[in-house]
Amino acid sequence: MTGARDYRADAALRPQPARVGRDFWPTPFCLIGALIDDILPRLPAGCIWEPAAGDGRLAEALRCVGRTVVASDIETYDFLTEAPPGDLASIVTNPPFNKLDSFISRAIAHLDAGMAQSVVLLLRADHLTAQRRRGALERAAEVRMCPWRPRWIPNTTTSPRWSFCWVTWLRDYHGATVLVWSSRPICSVSGAHSMKPAHRGSAVANDCLRGPHA
């Protein structure tokens, strides 16, 4: 017989952090790196809207690799109620997970209305298994798995709990959803959590940001 499981050592037993209010969880750089290296080069040219910008790190990383980005957040521009800020090539964001279904529905509505050519949202891997999301996810062009568990809270020592994926929808796409995997950017973390990604796109973004975005 084995001993009792300890939540401090067992990620599956730890309680989920409360997600209230703005649900502010800045995107780990390793997930931004996968987006920049593996998805961004195939998105349409033109303006990107980041509608849940938070501290701005995702928007700034996209700007660092040459994309035009409009960044907004709930305090300045409510994605769920207000019209898009002009003609858009793409909507790209890490949505607040306590409003995930509303964000998916709203983003796809903008796509169908011709207000954007593509949508890319960050989802937790287990979010793909919800039956209520089946219709929306079956319309996706690509699900890109990031098969590692990133650390969201700096300076914590317990093992991270979840893996994530970037889901891409394209206007007028009618094919099957393609499931692919990204490689984690090879990083070394020191002092200020400076990252050294393996690929050129995320490396350029990292050199530009040079901040605590591990």
Protein backbone atom coordinates (compact mmCIF):
# COMPACT_ATOMS: atom_id res chain seq x y z
CA MET A 1 0.00 0.00 0.00
CA THR A 2 1.32 3.41 -0.91
CA GLY A 3 1.20 6.42 1.36
CA ALA A 4 -1.21 9.31 1.06
CA ARG A 5 -0.71 11.57 -1.95
CA ASP A 6 0.55 15.07 -1.21
CA TYR A 7 -0.89 17.99 -3.20
CA ARG A 8 2.45 19.82 -2.89
CA ALA A 9 4.10 17.09 -4.96
CA ASP A 10 1.13 15.92 -7.01
CA ALA A 11 -0.16 18.46 -9.52
CA ALA A 12 -3.43 16.59 -10.03
CA LEU A 13 -4.43 17.16 -6.39
CA ARG A 14 -3.74 20.88 -6.18
CA PRO A 15 -6.82 23.13 -6.18
CA GLN A 16 -7.40 25.23 -9.29
CA PRO A 17 -6.62 28.93 -8.71
CA ALA A 18 -9.73 31.06 -8.43
CA ARG A 19 -10.52 32.84 -11.67
CA VAL A 20 -12.48 35.96 -10.85
CA GLY A 21 -12.61 39.53 -12.03
CA ARG A 22 -10.18 40.16 -14.89
CA ASP A 23 -8.73 36.61 -14.65
CA PHE A 24 -5.25 38.05 -15.22
CA TRP A 25 -2.71 35.35 -16.12
CA PRO A 26 0.10 36.74 -18.33
CA THR A 27 1.11 34.33 -21.09
CA PRO A 28 4.38 32.43 -20.44
CA PHE A 29 7.04 33.26 -23.00
CA CYS A 30 7.43 29.63 -24.10
CA LEU A 31 3.82 29.68 -25.35
CA ILE A 32 4.34 33.04 -27.06
CA GLY A 33 7.45 31.56 -28.69
CA ALA A 34 5.47 28.64 -30.12
CA LEU A 35 2.91 31.09 -31.53
CA ILE A 36 5.57 33.26 -33.15
CA ASP A 37 7.61 30.40 -34.57
CA ASP A 38 4.89 28.02 -35.74
CA ILE A 39 1.67 29.97 -36.33
CA LEU A 40 2.37 33.64 -37.00
CA PRO A 41 4.27 33.07 -40.29
CA ARG A 42 1.16 31.48 -41.80
CA LEU A 43 -1.34 34.09 -40.66
CA PRO A 44 -2.59 36.75 -43.11
CA ALA A 45 -0.57 39.93 -43.38
CA GLY A 46 -2.15 42.97 -41.79
CA CYS A 47 -3.28 44.29 -38.43
CA ILE A 48 -3.62 41.94 -35.44
CA TRP A 49 -6.02 42.70 -32.58
CA GLU A 50 -4.97 41.49 -29.13
CA PRO A 51 -8.22 42.08 -27.17
CA ALA A 52 -7.15 40.67 -23.77
CA ALA A 53 -3.75 42.31 -23.64
CA GLY A 54 -3.19 42.37 -19.88
CA ASP A 55 0.39 43.50 -19.27
CA GLY A 56 0.97 43.74 -23.03
CA ARG A 57 3.67 41.07 -23.36
CA LEU A 58 1.96 39.11 -26.16
CA ALA A 59 1.18 42.26 -28.17
CA GLU A 60 4.72 43.56 -27.71
CA ALA A 61 6.24 40.24 -28.80
CA LEU A 62 4.18 40.36 -31.99
CA ARG A 63 5.33 43.92 -32.63
CA CYS A 64 8.93 42.86 -32.08
CA VAL A 65 8.71 40.53 -35.08
CA GLY A 66 7.25 43.21 -37.32
CA ARG A 67 3.49 42.87 -36.97
CA THR A 68 1.09 45.78 -36.53
CA VAL A 69 -0.90 45.19 -33.33
CA VAL A 70 -3.86 46.91 -31.71
CA ALA A 71 -3.87 45.97 -28.02
CA SER A 72 -6.86 46.46 -25.74
CA ASP A 73 -8.23 45.09 -22.50
CA ILE A 74 -11.48 45.16 -20.58
CA GLU A 75 -10.73 48.54 -18.99
CA THR A 76 -10.42 50.27 -22.36
CA TYR A 77 -12.33 48.15 -24.87
CA ASP A 78 -14.74 45.30 -24.16
CA PHE A 79 -14.18 42.53 -26.71
CA LEU A 80 -17.52 40.92 -25.89
CA THR A 81 -19.68 43.98 -26.54
CA GLU A 82 -17.82 46.41 -28.79
CA ALA A 83 -17.07 46.27 -32.51
CA PRO A 84 -13.55 45.49 -33.74
CA PRO A 85 -11.22 48.51 -34.03
CA GLY A 86 -11.06 48.69 -37.81
CA ASP A 87 -10.13 46.17 -40.50
CA LEU A 88 -8.27 43.21 -39.09
CA ALA A 89 -6.19 40.40 -40.49
CA SER A 90 -6.26 38.41 -37.25
CA ILE A 91 -7.51 38.26 -33.69
CA VAL A 92 -4.84 36.70 -31.46
CA THR A 93 -5.13 36.40 -27.69
CA ASN A 94 -4.87 34.41 -24.49
CA PRO A 95 -8.52 34.80 -23.45
CA PRO A 96 -9.66 34.94 -19.83
CA PHE A 97 -10.57 31.32 -19.14
CA ASN A 98 -13.55 32.31 -17.00
CA LYS A 99 -15.05 33.83 -20.19
CA LEU A 100 -13.58 31.36 -22.67
CA ASP A 101 -16.80 30.24 -24.34
CA SER A 102 -17.94 33.83 -24.80
CA PHE A 103 -14.57 34.76 -26.33
CA ILE A 104 -14.69 31.81 -28.74
CA SER A 105 -18.24 32.65 -29.84
CA ARG A 106 -17.50 36.35 -30.26
CA ALA A 107 -14.28 35.74 -32.19
CA ILE A 108 -15.96 33.31 -34.59
CA ALA A 109 -18.82 35.79 -35.07
CA HIS A 110 -16.28 38.43 -36.15
CA LEU A 111 -14.76 35.87 -38.52
CA ASP A 112 -18.13 35.04 -40.06
CA ALA A 113 -19.00 38.73 -40.40
CA GLY A 114 -15.83 39.34 -42.41
CA MET A 115 -14.30 41.53 -39.71
CA ALA A 116 -11.20 39.31 -39.43
CA GLN A 117 -9.52 36.73 -41.64
CA SER A 118 -8.23 34.53 -38.84
CA VAL A 119 -8.55 33.92 -35.11
CA VAL A 120 -5.95 32.33 -32.82
CA LEU A 121 -6.83 31.59 -29.19
CA LEU A 122 -4.86 29.93 -26.40
CA LEU A 123 -6.73 27.08 -24.73
CA ARG A 124 -5.81 24.66 -22.02
CA ALA A 125 -5.45 21.19 -23.53
CA ASP A 126 -8.36 19.82 -21.50
CA HIS A 127 -10.62 22.58 -22.81
CA LEU A 128 -10.74 20.62 -26.07
CA THR A 129 -12.76 17.88 -24.37
CA ALA A 130 -15.84 19.94 -23.47
CA GLN A 131 -18.86 18.75 -25.45
CA ARG A 132 -20.33 22.27 -25.56
CA ARG A 133 -17.31 23.46 -27.57
CA ARG A 134 -17.47 20.70 -30.16
CA GLY A 135 -19.18 22.78 -32.84
CA ALA A 136 -16.72 25.64 -32.54
CA LEU A 137 -13.67 23.38 -32.40
CA GLU A 138 -14.78 21.36 -35.41
CA ARG A 139 -14.60 24.58 -37.41
CA ALA A 140 -10.96 25.18 -36.45
CA ALA A 141 -8.31 24.87 -39.15
CA GLU A 142 -5.57 23.80 -36.73
CA VAL A 143 -5.00 22.79 -33.13
CA ARG A 144 -1.33 23.19 -32.27
CA MET A 145 -0.44 21.36 -29.09
CA CYS A 146 2.30 22.68 -26.82
CA PRO A 147 3.14 19.37 -25.11
CA TRP A 148 4.76 20.74 -21.97
CA ARG A 149 3.44 22.32 -18.79
CA PRO A 150 4.56 25.95 -18.58
CA ARG A 151 5.06 27.80 -15.32
CA TRP A 152 2.52 30.63 -14.97
CA ILE A 153 3.41 31.91 -11.51
CA PRO A 154 7.04 33.12 -11.22
CA ASN A 155 9.23 31.76 -8.43
CA THR A 156 6.95 28.83 -7.63
CA THR A 157 8.64 25.48 -7.09
CA THR A 158 5.84 22.94 -7.49
CA SER A 159 5.36 21.24 -10.85
CA PRO A 160 3.08 23.08 -13.29
CA ARG A 161 -0.29 21.44 -13.79
CA TRP A 162 -1.54 21.98 -17.35
CA SER A 163 -0.42 21.88 -20.96
CA PHE A 164 -1.88 24.22 -23.57
CA CYS A 165 -2.65 24.60 -27.26
CA TRP A 166 -3.12 27.38 -29.79
CA VAL A 167 -6.31 26.97 -31.83
CA THR A 168 -6.58 28.67 -35.24
CA TRP A 169 -9.76 29.44 -37.16
CA LEU A 170 -9.66 30.77 -40.74
CA ARG A 171 -12.42 32.55 -42.59
CA ASP A 172 -14.12 30.31 -45.20
CA TYR A 173 -12.15 27.23 -44.06
CA HIS A 174 -14.19 24.06 -44.53
CA GLY A 175 -11.62 21.27 -44.21
CA ALA A 176 -10.82 18.93 -41.36
CA THR A 177 -9.11 20.27 -38.25
CA VAL A 178 -5.38 19.51 -38.36
CA LEU A 179 -3.73 18.43 -35.10
CA VAL A 180 -0.03 19.27 -34.87
CA TRP A 181 2.62 19.64 -32.16
CA SER A 182 5.12 22.39 -31.42
CA SER A 183 8.54 21.89 -29.94
CA ARG A 184 9.19 23.89 -26.81
CA PRO A 185 11.60 26.76 -27.44
CA ILE A 186 14.93 25.70 -25.94
CA CYS A 187 15.48 28.12 -23.11
CA SER A 188 17.82 28.85 -20.26
CA VAL A 189 16.42 30.82 -17.36
CA SER A 190 18.52 32.91 -15.05
CA GLY A 191 18.20 35.87 -12.73
CA ALA A 192 15.64 37.98 -14.58
CA HIS A 193 14.22 34.92 -16.38
CA SER A 194 15.81 35.85 -19.71
CA MET A 195 14.92 33.25 -22.34
CA LYS A 196 17.04 31.91 -25.18
CA PRO A 197 14.60 30.32 -27.66
CA ALA A 198 15.89 28.00 -30.36
CA HIS A 199 14.03 29.56 -33.30
CA ARG A 200 14.69 32.86 -34.97
CA GLY A 201 11.23 34.42 -34.58
CA SER A 202 10.91 33.90 -30.85
CA ALA A 203 14.59 34.76 -30.38
CA VAL A 204 14.02 38.16 -32.01
CA ALA A 205 10.99 38.76 -29.79
CA ASN A 206 12.96 37.75 -26.72
CA ASP A 207 15.85 40.07 -27.55
CA CYS A 208 13.33 42.88 -27.94
CA LEU A 209 11.43 42.19 -24.72
CA ARG A 210 14.32 41.36 -22.37
CA GLY A 211 12.01 41.19 -19.39
CA PRO A 212 10.74 38.75 -16.74
CA HIS A 213 8.50 36.81 -19.12
CA ALA A 214 9.68 33.23 -18.50
